[in-house]
Amino acid sequence: MLQGIIVLLLFQLLGEILVALTHSPIPGPVAGMLLLWLALHIKRGPSPEVQRTAQTLVQYLSLFFLPAGVGLFFLPPEIQRHWPAVIAAMVAGTFITMLLSAWLIRRLGSSH
């Protein structure tokens, strides 16, 4: 599993380097994910180590959202006035992510 984590962190680092060199407005981790996607597409799938690591991380994905959700309650009062918009954005973002994930799974599943 350590090899898989190293590979994922390496792609994040490559994304950060790419963004720094190109002065792109895209966040480094997003650029790293795009590079990882490109590498997986070229290689036709992940290595067993990366797949095992990714499956483990997905199992605990909901825990990664917990700090952000709890942090909303400790925001300054001027930001707390906008909590309905923040909640709406979180719900909409989750829904859009679920739709895009389902579409991607269907698309990738039909190509094999």
PDB file of N, CA and C in Angstrom:
ATOM      1  N   MET A   1       0.825  -1.189   0.000  1.00  0.00           N
ATOM      2  CA  MET A   1       0.000   0.000   0.000  1.00  0.00           C
ATOM      3  C   MET A   1       0.869   1.253   0.000  1.00  0.00           C
ATOM      4  N   LEU A   2       2.049   1.158   0.580  1.00  0.00           N
ATOM      5  CA  LEU A   2       2.944   2.312   0.621  1.00  0.00           C
ATOM      6  C   LEU A   2       3.332   2.753  -0.785  1.00  0.00           C
ATOM      7  N   GLN A   3       3.552   1.782  -1.685  1.00  0.00           N
ATOM      8  CA  GLN A   3       3.892   2.133  -3.067  1.00  0.00           C
ATOM      9  C   GLN A   3       2.763   2.916  -3.728  1.00  0.00           C
ATOM     10  N   GLY A   4       1.535   2.509  -3.474  1.00  0.00           N
ATOM     11  CA  GLY A   4       0.383   3.206  -4.046  1.00  0.00           C
ATOM     12  C   GLY A   4       0.280   4.633  -3.542  1.00  0.00           C
ATOM     13  N   ILE A   5       0.511   4.832  -2.248  1.00  0.00           N
ATOM     14  CA  ILE A   5       0.475   6.183  -1.677  1.00  0.00           C
ATOM     15  C   ILE A   5       1.582   7.034  -2.276  1.00  0.00           C
ATOM     16  N   ILE A   6       2.756   6.440  -2.439  1.00  0.00           N
ATOM     17  CA  ILE A   6       3.877   7.187  -3.029  1.00  0.00           C
ATOM     18  C   ILE A   6       3.540   7.609  -4.458  1.00  0.00           C
ATOM     19  N   VAL A   7       2.928   6.721  -5.224  1.00  0.00           N
ATOM     20  CA  VAL A   7       2.549   7.062  -6.602  1.00  0.00           C
ATOM     21  C   VAL A   7       1.537   8.207  -6.608  1.00  0.00           C
ATOM     22  N   LEU A   8       0.522   8.127  -5.752  1.00  0.00           N
ATOM     23  CA  LEU A   8      -0.489   9.186  -5.699  1.00  0.00           C
ATOM     24  C   LEU A   8       0.122  10.519  -5.276  1.00  0.00           C
ATOM     25  N   LEU A   9       0.996  10.489  -4.284  1.00  0.00           N
ATOM     26  CA  LEU A   9       1.652  11.728  -3.845  1.00  0.00           C
ATOM     27  C   LEU A   9       2.604  12.265  -4.906  1.00  0.00           C
ATOM     28  N   LEU A  10       3.235  11.371  -5.652  1.00  0.00           N
ATOM     29  CA  LEU A  10       4.118  11.804  -6.737  1.00  0.00           C
ATOM     30  C   LEU A  10       3.326  12.561  -7.805  1.00  0.00           C
ATOM     31  N   PHE A  11       2.148  12.059  -8.146  1.00  0.00           N
ATOM     32  CA  PHE A  11       1.329  12.765  -9.135  1.00  0.00           C
ATOM     33  C   PHE A  11       0.827  14.101  -8.585  1.00  0.00           C
ATOM     34  N   GLN A  12       0.545  14.164  -7.297  1.00  0.00           N
ATOM     35  CA  GLN A  12       0.167  15.449  -6.713  1.00  0.00           C
ATOM     36  C   GLN A  12       1.334  16.428  -6.800  1.00  0.00           C
ATOM     37  N   LEU A  13       2.532  15.956  -6.501  1.00  0.00           N
ATOM     38  CA  LEU A  13       3.720  16.802  -6.601  1.00  0.00           C
ATOM     39  C   LEU A  13       3.944  17.260  -8.044  1.00  0.00           C
ATOM     40  N   LEU A  14       3.783  16.350  -8.997  1.00  0.00           N
ATOM     41  CA  LEU A  14       3.923  16.724 -10.406  1.00  0.00           C
ATOM     42  C   LEU A  14       2.897  17.785 -10.797  1.00  0.00           C
ATOM     43  N   GLY A  15       1.690  17.660 -10.269  1.00  0.00           N
ATOM     44  CA  GLY A  15       0.669  18.674 -10.531  1.00  0.00           C
ATOM     45  C   GLY A  15       1.055  20.021  -9.960  1.00  0.00           C
ATOM     46  N   GLU A  16       1.590  20.023  -8.743  1.00  0.00           N
ATOM     47  CA  GLU A  16       2.037  21.279  -8.124  1.00  0.00           C
ATOM     48  C   GLU A  16       3.164  21.913  -8.936  1.00  0.00           C
ATOM     49  N   ILE A  17       4.092  21.093  -9.399  1.00  0.00           N
ATOM     50  CA  ILE A  17       5.210  21.602 -10.200  1.00  0.00           C
ATOM     51  C   ILE A  17       4.692  22.172 -11.520  1.00  0.00           C
ATOM     52  N   LEU A  18       3.784  21.447 -12.166  1.00  0.00           N
ATOM     53  CA  LEU A  18       3.218  21.911 -13.432  1.00  0.00           C
ATOM     54  C   LEU A  18       2.507  23.251 -13.267  1.00  0.00           C
ATOM     55  N   VAL A  19       1.729  23.387 -12.208  1.00  0.00           N
ATOM     56  CA  VAL A  19       1.008  24.637 -11.957  1.00  0.00           C
ATOM     57  C   VAL A  19       1.986  25.769 -11.668  1.00  0.00           C
ATOM     58  N   ALA A  20       3.032  25.479 -10.904  1.00  0.00           N
ATOM     59  CA  ALA A  20       4.023  26.515 -10.587  1.00  0.00           C
ATOM     60  C   ALA A  20       4.771  26.969 -11.840  1.00  0.00           C
ATOM     61  N   LEU A  21       5.079  26.039 -12.725  1.00  0.00           N
ATOM     62  CA  LEU A  21       5.817  26.392 -13.943  1.00  0.00           C
ATOM     63  C   LEU A  21       4.956  27.134 -14.960  1.00  0.00           C
ATOM     64  N   THR A  22       3.684  26.778 -15.029  1.00  0.00           N
ATOM     65  CA  THR A  22       2.802  27.377 -16.033  1.00  0.00           C
ATOM     66  C   THR A  22       1.976  28.541 -15.497  1.00  0.00           C
ATOM     67  N   HIS A  23       2.058  28.793 -14.195  1.00  0.00           N
ATOM     68  CA  HIS A  23       1.258  29.843 -13.544  1.00  0.00           C
ATOM     69  C   HIS A  23      -0.233  29.654 -13.832  1.00  0.00           C
ATOM     70  N   SER A  24      -0.653  28.424 -13.811  1.00  0.00           N
ATOM     71  CA  SER A  24      -2.037  28.069 -14.100  1.00  0.00           C
ATOM     72  C   SER A  24      -2.922  28.351 -12.885  1.00  0.00           C
ATOM     73  N   PRO A  25      -4.177  28.755 -13.115  1.00  0.00           N
ATOM     74  CA  PRO A  25      -5.090  28.973 -11.989  1.00  0.00           C
ATOM     75  C   PRO A  25      -5.663  27.673 -11.424  1.00  0.00           C
ATOM     76  N   ILE A  26      -5.368  26.550 -12.074  1.00  0.00           N
ATOM     77  CA  ILE A  26      -5.863  25.254 -11.613  1.00  0.00           C
ATOM     78  C   ILE A  26      -5.074  24.844 -10.372  1.00  0.00           C
ATOM     79  N   PRO A  27      -5.746  24.352  -9.326  1.00  0.00           N
ATOM     80  CA  PRO A  27      -5.011  23.879  -8.143  1.00  0.00           C
ATOM     81  C   PRO A  27      -4.083  22.712  -8.495  1.00  0.00           C
ATOM     82  N   GLY A  28      -2.951  22.652  -7.819  1.00  0.00           N
ATOM     83  CA  GLY A  28      -1.967  21.606  -8.062  1.00  0.00           C
ATOM     84  C   GLY A  28      -2.514  20.194  -7.939  1.00  0.00           C
ATOM     85  N   PRO A  29      -3.293  19.896  -6.881  1.00  0.00           N
ATOM     86  CA  PRO A  29      -3.838  18.540  -6.776  1.00  0.00           C
ATOM     87  C   PRO A  29      -4.765  18.172  -7.938  1.00  0.00           C
ATOM     88  N   VAL A  30      -5.498  19.149  -8.460  1.00  0.00           N
ATOM     89  CA  VAL A  30      -6.376  18.869  -9.606  1.00  0.00           C
ATOM     90  C   VAL A  30      -5.531  18.568 -10.843  1.00  0.00           C
ATOM     91  N   ALA A  31      -4.482  19.351 -11.053  1.00  0.00           N
ATOM     92  CA  ALA A  31      -3.573  19.082 -12.173  1.00  0.00           C
ATOM     93  C   ALA A  31      -2.926  17.710 -12.006  1.00  0.00           C
ATOM     94  N   GLY A  32      -2.572  17.358 -10.772  1.00  0.00           N
ATOM     95  CA  GLY A  32      -2.000  16.041 -10.509  1.00  0.00           C
ATOM     96  C   GLY A  32      -2.977  14.921 -10.815  1.00  0.00           C
ATOM     97  N   MET A  33      -4.255  15.125 -10.472  1.00  0.00           N
ATOM     98  CA  MET A  33      -5.261  14.112 -10.787  1.00  0.00           C
ATOM     99  C   MET A  33      -5.432  13.965 -12.293  1.00  0.00           C
ATOM    100  N   LEU A  34      -5.362  15.083 -13.019  1.00  0.00           N
ATOM    101  CA  LEU A  34      -5.454  15.002 -14.478  1.00  0.00           C
ATOM    102  C   LEU A  34      -4.258  14.253 -15.061  1.00  0.00           C
ATOM    103  N   LEU A  35      -3.076  14.500 -14.509  1.00  0.00           N
ATOM    104  CA  LEU A  35      -1.891  13.765 -14.955  1.00  0.00           C
ATOM    105  C   LEU A  35      -2.013  12.276 -14.626  1.00  0.00           C
ATOM    106  N   LEU A  36      -2.532  11.963 -13.443  1.00  0.00           N
ATOM    107  CA  LEU A  36      -2.746  10.563 -13.064  1.00  0.00           C
ATOM    108  C   LEU A  36      -3.752   9.910 -14.001  1.00  0.00           C
ATOM    109  N   TRP A  37      -4.835  10.624 -14.303  1.00  0.00           N
ATOM    110  CA  TRP A  37      -5.833  10.093 -15.229  1.00  0.00           C
ATOM    111  C   TRP A  37      -5.207   9.811 -16.591  1.00  0.00           C
ATOM    112  N   LEU A  38      -4.390  10.740 -17.065  1.00  0.00           N
ATOM    113  CA  LEU A  38      -3.722  10.558 -18.352  1.00  0.00           C
ATOM    114  C   LEU A  38      -2.808   9.322 -18.320  1.00  0.00           C
ATOM    115  N   ALA A  39      -2.050   9.177 -17.242  1.00  0.00           N
ATOM    116  CA  ALA A  39      -1.161   8.017 -17.114  1.00  0.00           C
ATOM    117  C   ALA A  39      -1.960   6.717 -17.052  1.00  0.00           C
ATOM    118  N   LEU A  40      -3.070   6.723 -16.313  1.00  0.00           N
ATOM    119  CA  LEU A  40      -3.900   5.521 -16.226  1.00  0.00           C
ATOM    120  C   LEU A  40      -4.547   5.209 -17.569  1.00  0.00           C
ATOM    121  N   HIS A  41      -4.923   6.248 -18.294  1.00  0.00           N
ATOM    122  CA  HIS A  41      -5.536   6.048 -19.609  1.00  0.00           C
ATOM    123  C   HIS A  41      -4.525   5.453 -20.591  1.00  0.00           C
ATOM    124  N   ILE A  42      -3.309   5.956 -20.553  1.00  0.00           N
ATOM    125  CA  ILE A  42      -2.264   5.451 -21.449  1.00  0.00           C
ATOM    126  C   ILE A  42      -1.898   4.011 -21.086  1.00  0.00           C
ATOM    127  N   LYS A  43      -1.802   3.752 -19.777  1.00  0.00           N
ATOM    128  CA  LYS A  43      -1.400   2.418 -19.303  1.00  0.00           C
ATOM    129  C   LYS A  43      -2.560   1.423 -19.325  1.00  0.00           C
ATOM    130  N   ARG A  44      -3.764   1.907 -19.529  1.00  0.00           N
ATOM    131  CA  ARG A  44      -4.984   1.083 -19.536  1.00  0.00           C
ATOM    132  C   ARG A  44      -5.323   0.518 -18.163  1.00  0.00           C
ATOM    133  N   GLY A  45      -5.140   1.322 -17.132  1.00  0.00           N
ATOM    134  CA  GLY A  45      -5.543   0.900 -15.800  1.00  0.00           C
ATOM    135  C   GLY A  45      -4.443   1.068 -14.775  1.00  0.00           C
ATOM    136  N   PRO A  46      -4.833   1.005 -13.510  1.00  0.00           N
ATOM    137  CA  PRO A  46      -3.854   1.204 -12.437  1.00  0.00           C
ATOM    138  C   PRO A  46      -3.068  -0.066 -12.138  1.00  0.00           C
ATOM    139  N   SER A  47      -1.931   0.137 -11.486  1.00  0.00           N
ATOM    140  CA  SER A  47      -1.174  -1.007 -10.981  1.00  0.00           C
ATOM    141  C   SER A  47      -1.941  -1.582  -9.792  1.00  0.00           C
ATOM    142  N   PRO A  48      -1.682  -2.817  -9.422  1.00  0.00           N
ATOM    143  CA  PRO A  48      -2.388  -3.396  -8.267  1.00  0.00           C
ATOM    144  C   PRO A  48      -2.191  -2.579  -6.984  1.00  0.00           C
ATOM    145  N   GLU A  49      -0.994  -2.005  -6.805  1.00  0.00           N
ATOM    146  CA  GLU A  49      -0.729  -1.218  -5.594  1.00  0.00           C
ATOM    147  C   GLU A  49      -1.588   0.041  -5.560  1.00  0.00           C
ATOM    148  N   VAL A  50      -1.660   0.740  -6.691  1.00  0.00           N
ATOM    149  CA  VAL A  50      -2.462   1.968  -6.758  1.00  0.00           C
ATOM    150  C   VAL A  50      -3.939   1.628  -6.603  1.00  0.00           C
ATOM    151  N   GLN A  51      -4.387   0.558  -7.206  1.00  0.00           N
ATOM    152  CA  GLN A  51      -5.791   0.170  -7.094  1.00  0.00           C
ATOM    153  C   GLN A  51      -6.151  -0.170  -5.646  1.00  0.00           C
ATOM    154  N   ARG A  52      -5.293  -0.905  -4.965  1.00  0.00           N
ATOM    155  CA  ARG A  52      -5.550  -1.267  -3.569  1.00  0.00           C
ATOM    156  C   ARG A  52      -5.591  -0.020  -2.689  1.00  0.00           C
ATOM    157  N   THR A  53      -4.659   0.907  -2.911  1.00  0.00           N
ATOM    158  CA  THR A  53      -4.620   2.142  -2.137  1.00  0.00           C
ATOM    159  C   THR A  53      -5.862   2.976  -2.401  1.00  0.00           C
ATOM    160  N   ALA A  54      -6.250   3.090  -3.665  1.00  0.00           N
ATOM    161  CA  ALA A  54      -7.428   3.883  -4.016  1.00  0.00           C
ATOM    162  C   ALA A  54      -8.686   3.288  -3.393  1.00  0.00           C
ATOM    163  N   GLN A  55      -8.820   1.974  -3.411  1.00  0.00           N
ATOM    164  CA  GLN A  55      -9.992   1.340  -2.810  1.00  0.00           C
ATOM    165  C   GLN A  55     -10.046   1.602  -1.309  1.00  0.00           C
ATOM    166  N   THR A  56      -8.906   1.559  -0.659  1.00  0.00           N
ATOM    167  CA  THR A  56      -8.861   1.831   0.779  1.00  0.00           C
ATOM    168  C   THR A  56      -9.244   3.278   1.063  1.00  0.00           C
ATOM    169  N   LEU A  57      -8.722   4.211   0.272  1.00  0.00           N
ATOM    170  CA  LEU A  57      -9.050   5.624   0.480  1.00  0.00           C
ATOM    171  C   LEU A  57     -10.529   5.898   0.223  1.00  0.00           C
ATOM    172  N   VAL A  58     -11.107   5.259  -0.776  1.00  0.00           N
ATOM    173  CA  VAL A  58     -12.524   5.464  -1.079  1.00  0.00           C
ATOM    174  C   VAL A  58     -13.395   4.945   0.064  1.00  0.00           C
ATOM    175  N   GLN A  59     -12.972   3.879   0.726  1.00  0.00           N
ATOM    176  CA  GLN A  59     -13.738   3.357   1.862  1.00  0.00           C
ATOM    177  C   GLN A  59     -13.888   4.401   2.960  1.00  0.00           C
ATOM    178  N   TYR A  60     -12.881   5.248   3.119  1.00  0.00           N
ATOM    179  CA  TYR A  60     -12.888   6.236   4.191  1.00  0.00           C
ATOM    180  C   TYR A  60     -13.109   7.653   3.671  1.00  0.00           C
ATOM    181  N   LEU A  61     -13.635   7.781   2.461  1.00  0.00           N
ATOM    182  CA  LEU A  61     -13.803   9.084   1.831  1.00  0.00           C
ATOM    183  C   LEU A  61     -14.686  10.020   2.646  1.00  0.00           C
ATOM    184  N   SER A  62     -15.739   9.494   3.240  1.00  0.00           N
ATOM    185  CA  SER A  62     -16.638  10.366   4.004  1.00  0.00           C
ATOM    186  C   SER A  62     -15.930  11.017   5.187  1.00  0.00           C
ATOM    187  N   LEU A  63     -14.923  10.378   5.735  1.00  0.00           N
ATOM    188  CA  LEU A  63     -14.184  10.976   6.851  1.00  0.00           C
ATOM    189  C   LEU A  63     -13.392  12.207   6.422  1.00  0.00           C
ATOM    190  N   PHE A  64     -13.015  12.277   5.141  1.00  0.00           N
ATOM    191  CA  PHE A  64     -12.269  13.438   4.659  1.00  0.00           C
ATOM    192  C   PHE A  64     -13.135  14.692   4.621  1.00  0.00           C
ATOM    193  N   PHE A  65     -14.461  14.528   4.542  1.00  0.00           N
ATOM    194  CA  PHE A  65     -15.361  15.677   4.508  1.00  0.00           C
ATOM    195  C   PHE A  65     -15.722  16.171   5.903  1.00  0.00           C
ATOM    196  N   LEU A  66     -15.497  15.364   6.903  1.00  0.00           N
ATOM    197  CA  LEU A  66     -15.871  15.723   8.263  1.00  0.00           C
ATOM    198  C   LEU A  66     -15.210  17.003   8.760  1.00  0.00           C
ATOM    199  N   PRO A  67     -13.907  17.202   8.606  1.00  0.00           N
ATOM    200  CA  PRO A  67     -13.305  18.451   9.096  1.00  0.00           C
ATOM    201  C   PRO A  67     -13.892  19.697   8.435  1.00  0.00           C
ATOM    202  N   ALA A  68     -14.183  19.629   7.148  1.00  0.00           N
ATOM    203  CA  ALA A  68     -14.766  20.786   6.466  1.00  0.00           C
ATOM    204  C   ALA A  68     -16.162  21.080   7.001  1.00  0.00           C
ATOM    205  N   GLY A  69     -16.941  20.046   7.218  1.00  0.00           N
ATOM    206  CA  GLY A  69     -18.293  20.245   7.745  1.00  0.00           C
ATOM    207  C   GLY A  69     -18.291  20.799   9.155  1.00  0.00           C
ATOM    208  N   VAL A  70     -17.411  20.287  10.001  1.00  0.00           N
ATOM    209  CA  VAL A  70     -17.314  20.781  11.377  1.00  0.00           C
ATOM    210  C   VAL A  70     -16.771  22.202  11.390  1.00  0.00           C
ATOM    211  N   GLY A  71     -15.840  22.505  10.499  1.00  0.00           N
ATOM    212  CA  GLY A  71     -15.252  23.840  10.440  1.00  0.00           C
ATOM    213  C   GLY A  71     -16.260  24.924  10.123  1.00  0.00           C
ATOM    214  N   LEU A  72     -17.346  24.572   9.449  1.00  0.00           N
ATOM    215  CA  LEU A  72     -18.367  25.574   9.131  1.00  0.00           C
ATOM    216  C   LEU A  72     -18.980  26.184  10.385  1.00  0.00           C
ATOM    217  N   PHE A  73     -19.040  25.443  11.454  1.00  0.00           N
ATOM    218  CA  PHE A  73     -19.664  25.939  12.676  1.00  0.00           C
ATOM    219  C   PHE A  73     -18.763  26.894  13.449  1.00  0.00           C
ATOM    220  N   PHE A  74     -17.494  26.958  13.097  1.00  0.00           N
ATOM    221  CA  PHE A  74     -16.564  27.820  13.811  1.00  0.00           C
ATOM    222  C   PHE A  74     -16.122  29.017  12.987  1.00  0.00           C
ATOM    223  N   LEU A  75     -16.850  29.298  11.915  1.00  0.00           N
ATOM    224  CA  LEU A  75     -16.513  30.433  11.067  1.00  0.00           C
ATOM    225  C   LEU A  75     -16.919  31.742  11.738  1.00  0.00           C
ATOM    226  N   PRO A  76     -16.279  32.836  11.373  1.00  0.00           N
ATOM    227  CA  PRO A  76     -16.654  34.137  11.931  1.00  0.00           C
ATOM    228  C   PRO A  76     -18.118  34.465  11.630  1.00  0.00           C
ATOM    229  N   PRO A  77     -18.736  35.298  12.470  1.00  0.00           N
ATOM    230  CA  PRO A  77     -20.168  35.611  12.309  1.00  0.00           C
ATOM    231  C   PRO A  77     -20.536  36.161  10.929  1.00  0.00           C
ATOM    232  N   GLU A  78     -19.669  36.963  10.327  1.00  0.00           N
ATOM    233  CA  GLU A  78     -20.032  37.519   9.017  1.00  0.00           C
ATOM    234  C   GLU A  78     -20.134  36.444   7.938  1.00  0.00           C
ATOM    235  N   ILE A  79     -19.399  35.364   8.104  1.00  0.00           N
ATOM    236  CA  ILE A  79     -19.493  34.268   7.141  1.00  0.00           C
ATOM    237  C   ILE A  79     -20.662  33.361   7.499  1.00  0.00           C
ATOM    238  N   GLN A  80     -20.978  33.244   8.775  1.00  0.00           N
ATOM    239  CA  GLN A  80     -22.071  32.376   9.205  1.00  0.00           C
ATOM    240  C   GLN A  80     -23.419  32.837   8.659  1.00  0.00           C
ATOM    241  N   ARG A  81     -23.529  34.116   8.324  1.00  0.00           N
ATOM    242  CA  ARG A  81     -24.790  34.610   7.764  1.00  0.00           C
ATOM    243  C   ARG A  81     -25.088  33.968   6.418  1.00  0.00           C
ATOM    244  N   HIS A  82     -24.084  33.449   5.771  1.00  0.00           N
ATOM    245  CA  HIS A  82     -24.251  32.875   4.436  1.00  0.00           C
ATOM    246  C   HIS A  82     -24.342  31.351   4.460  1.00  0.00           C
ATOM    247  N   TRP A  83     -24.640  30.773   5.624  1.00  0.00           N
ATOM    248  CA  TRP A  83     -24.650  29.323   5.718  1.00  0.00           C
ATOM    249  C   TRP A  83     -25.646  28.655   4.774  1.00  0.00           C
ATOM    250  N   PRO A  84     -26.823  29.244   4.469  1.00  0.00           N
ATOM    251  CA  PRO A  84     -27.699  28.557   3.502  1.00  0.00           C
ATOM    252  C   PRO A  84     -27.031  28.384   2.131  1.00  0.00           C
ATOM    253  N   ALA A  85     -26.301  29.400   1.691  1.00  0.00           N
ATOM    254  CA  ALA A  85     -25.607  29.293   0.401  1.00  0.00           C
ATOM    255  C   ALA A  85     -24.496  28.246   0.472  1.00  0.00           C
ATOM    256  N   VAL A  86     -23.809  28.183   1.597  1.00  0.00           N
ATOM    257  CA  VAL A  86     -22.738  27.199   1.759  1.00  0.00           C
ATOM    258  C   VAL A  86     -23.319  25.786   1.739  1.00  0.00           C
ATOM    259  N   ILE A  87     -24.398  25.576   2.466  1.00  0.00           N
ATOM    260  CA  ILE A  87     -25.042  24.258   2.494  1.00  0.00           C
ATOM    261  C   ILE A  87     -25.556  23.897   1.100  1.00  0.00           C
ATOM    262  N   ALA A  88     -26.178  24.866   0.420  1.00  0.00           N
ATOM    263  CA  ALA A  88     -26.681  24.607  -0.937  1.00  0.00           C
ATOM    264  C   ALA A  88     -25.539  24.235  -1.876  1.00  0.00           C
ATOM    265  N   ALA A  89     -24.416  24.927  -1.757  1.00  0.00           N
ATOM    266  CA  ALA A  89     -23.262  24.617  -2.606  1.00  0.00           C
ATOM    267  C   ALA A  89     -22.723  23.224  -2.303  1.00  0.00           C
ATOM    268  N   MET A  90     -22.688  22.858  -1.026  1.00  0.00           N
ATOM    269  CA  MET A  90     -22.203  21.526  -0.659  1.00  0.00           C
ATOM    270  C   MET A  90     -23.128  20.433  -1.199  1.00  0.00           C
ATOM    271  N   VAL A  91     -24.433  20.635  -1.060  1.00  0.00           N
ATOM    272  CA  VAL A  91     -25.391  19.638  -1.548  1.00  0.00           C
ATOM    273  C   VAL A  91     -25.334  19.553  -3.071  1.00  0.00           C
ATOM    274  N   ALA A  92     -25.320  20.705  -3.737  1.00  0.00           N
ATOM    275  CA  ALA A  92     -25.261  20.713  -5.201  1.00  0.00           C
ATOM    276  C   ALA A  92     -23.958  20.085  -5.692  1.00  0.00           C
ATOM    277  N   GLY A  93     -22.853  20.411  -5.046  1.00  0.00           N
ATOM    278  CA  GLY A  93     -21.570  19.839  -5.437  1.00  0.00           C
ATOM    279  C   GLY A  93     -21.547  18.329  -5.276  1.00  0.00           C
ATOM    280  N   THR A  94     -22.113  17.851  -4.185  1.00  0.00           N
ATOM    281  CA  THR A  94     -22.179  16.408  -3.955  1.00  0.00           C
ATOM    282  C   THR A  94     -23.041  15.736  -5.017  1.00  0.00           C
ATOM    283  N   PHE A  95     -24.195  16.337  -5.311  1.00  0.00           N
ATOM    284  CA  PHE A  95     -25.105  15.775  -6.310  1.00  0.00           C
ATOM    285  C   PHE A  95     -24.458  15.743  -7.693  1.00  0.00           C
ATOM    286  N   ILE A  96     -23.816  16.826  -8.076  1.00  0.00           N
ATOM    287  CA  ILE A  96     -23.149  16.889  -9.382  1.00  0.00           C
ATOM    288  C   ILE A  96     -22.020  15.859  -9.453  1.00  0.00           C
ATOM    289  N   THR A  97     -21.273  15.724  -8.363  1.00  0.00           N
ATOM    290  CA  THR A  97     -20.195  14.736  -8.327  1.00  0.00           C
ATOM    291  C   THR A  97     -20.739  13.322  -8.480  1.00  0.00           C
ATOM    292  N   MET A  98     -21.855  13.045  -7.821  1.00  0.00           N
ATOM    293  CA  MET A  98     -22.459  11.718  -7.941  1.00  0.00           C
ATOM    294  C   MET A  98     -22.918  11.449  -9.375  1.00  0.00           C
ATOM    295  N   LEU A  99     -23.542  12.445 -10.005  1.00  0.00           N
ATOM    296  CA  LEU A  99     -23.994  12.274 -11.387  1.00  0.00           C
ATOM    297  C   LEU A  99     -22.822  12.050 -12.339  1.00  0.00           C
ATOM    298  N   LEU A 100     -21.786  12.867 -12.193  1.00  0.00           N
ATOM    299  CA  LEU A 100     -20.622  12.722 -13.068  1.00  0.00           C
ATOM    300  C   LEU A 100     -19.895  11.403 -12.825  1.00  0.00           C
ATOM    301  N   SER A 101     -19.848  10.971 -11.578  1.00  0.00           N
ATOM    302  CA  SER A 101     -19.212   9.681 -11.270  1.00  0.00           C
ATOM    303  C   SER A 101     -19.989   8.534 -11.902  1.00  0.00           C
ATOM    304  N   ALA A 102     -21.314   8.580 -11.797  1.00  0.00           N
ATOM    305  CA  ALA A 102     -22.140   7.531 -12.405  1.00  0.00           C
ATOM    306  C   ALA A 102     -21.962   7.518 -13.919  1.00  0.00           C
ATOM    307  N   TRP A 103     -21.935   8.696 -14.525  1.00  0.00           N
ATOM    308  CA  TRP A 103     -21.733   8.783 -15.972  1.00  0.00           C
ATOM    309  C   TRP A 103     -20.376   8.209 -16.363  1.00  0.00           C
ATOM    310  N   LEU A 104     -19.346   8.560 -15.600  1.00  0.00           N
ATOM    311  CA  LEU A 104     -17.998   8.088 -15.904  1.00  0.00           C
ATOM    312  C   LEU A 104     -17.886   6.573 -15.737  1.00  0.00           C
ATOM    313  N   ILE A 105     -18.485   6.043 -14.694  1.00  0.00           N
ATOM    314  CA  ILE A 105     -18.451   4.594 -14.467  1.00  0.00           C
ATOM    315  C   ILE A 105     -19.147   3.865 -15.613  1.00  0.00           C
ATOM    316  N   ARG A 106     -20.297   4.391 -16.044  1.00  0.00           N
ATOM    317  CA  ARG A 106     -20.998   3.773 -17.174  1.00  0.00           C
ATOM    318  C   ARG A 106     -20.162   3.827 -18.442  1.00  0.00           C
ATOM    319  N   ARG A 107     -19.565   4.978 -18.670  1.00  0.00           N
ATOM    320  CA  ARG A 107     -18.776   5.157 -19.895  1.00  0.00           C
ATOM    321  C   ARG A 107     -17.549   4.245 -19.887  1.00  0.00           C
ATOM    322  N   LEU A 108     -16.850   4.196 -18.763  1.00  0.00           N
ATOM    323  CA  LEU A 108     -15.665   3.344 -18.688  1.00  0.00           C
ATOM    324  C   LEU A 108     -16.043   1.867 -18.688  1.00  0.00           C
ATOM    325  N   GLY A 109     -17.167   1.547 -18.071  1.00  0.00           N
ATOM    326  CA  GLY A 109     -17.609   0.160 -18.025  1.00  0.00           C
ATOM    327  C   GLY A 109     -18.009  -0.375 -19.379  1.00  0.00           C
ATOM    328  N   SER A 110     -18.565   0.477 -20.225  1.00  0.00           N
ATOM    329  CA  SER A 110     -19.009   0.020 -21.540  1.00  0.00           C
ATOM    330  C   SER A 110     -17.852  -0.137 -22.516  1.00  0.00           C
ATOM    331  N   SER A 111     -16.707   0.470 -22.221  1.00  0.00           N
ATOM    332  CA  SER A 111     -15.574   0.381 -23.142  1.00  0.00           C
ATOM    333  C   SER A 111     -14.793  -0.918 -22.978  1.00  0.00           C
ATOM    334  N   HIS A 112     -15.034  -1.648 -21.893  1.00  0.00           N
ATOM    335  CA  HIS A 112     -14.275  -2.893 -21.664  1.00  0.00           C
ATOM    336  C   HIS A 112     -15.050  -4.040 -22.191  1.00  0.00           C
TER     337      HIS A 112
END
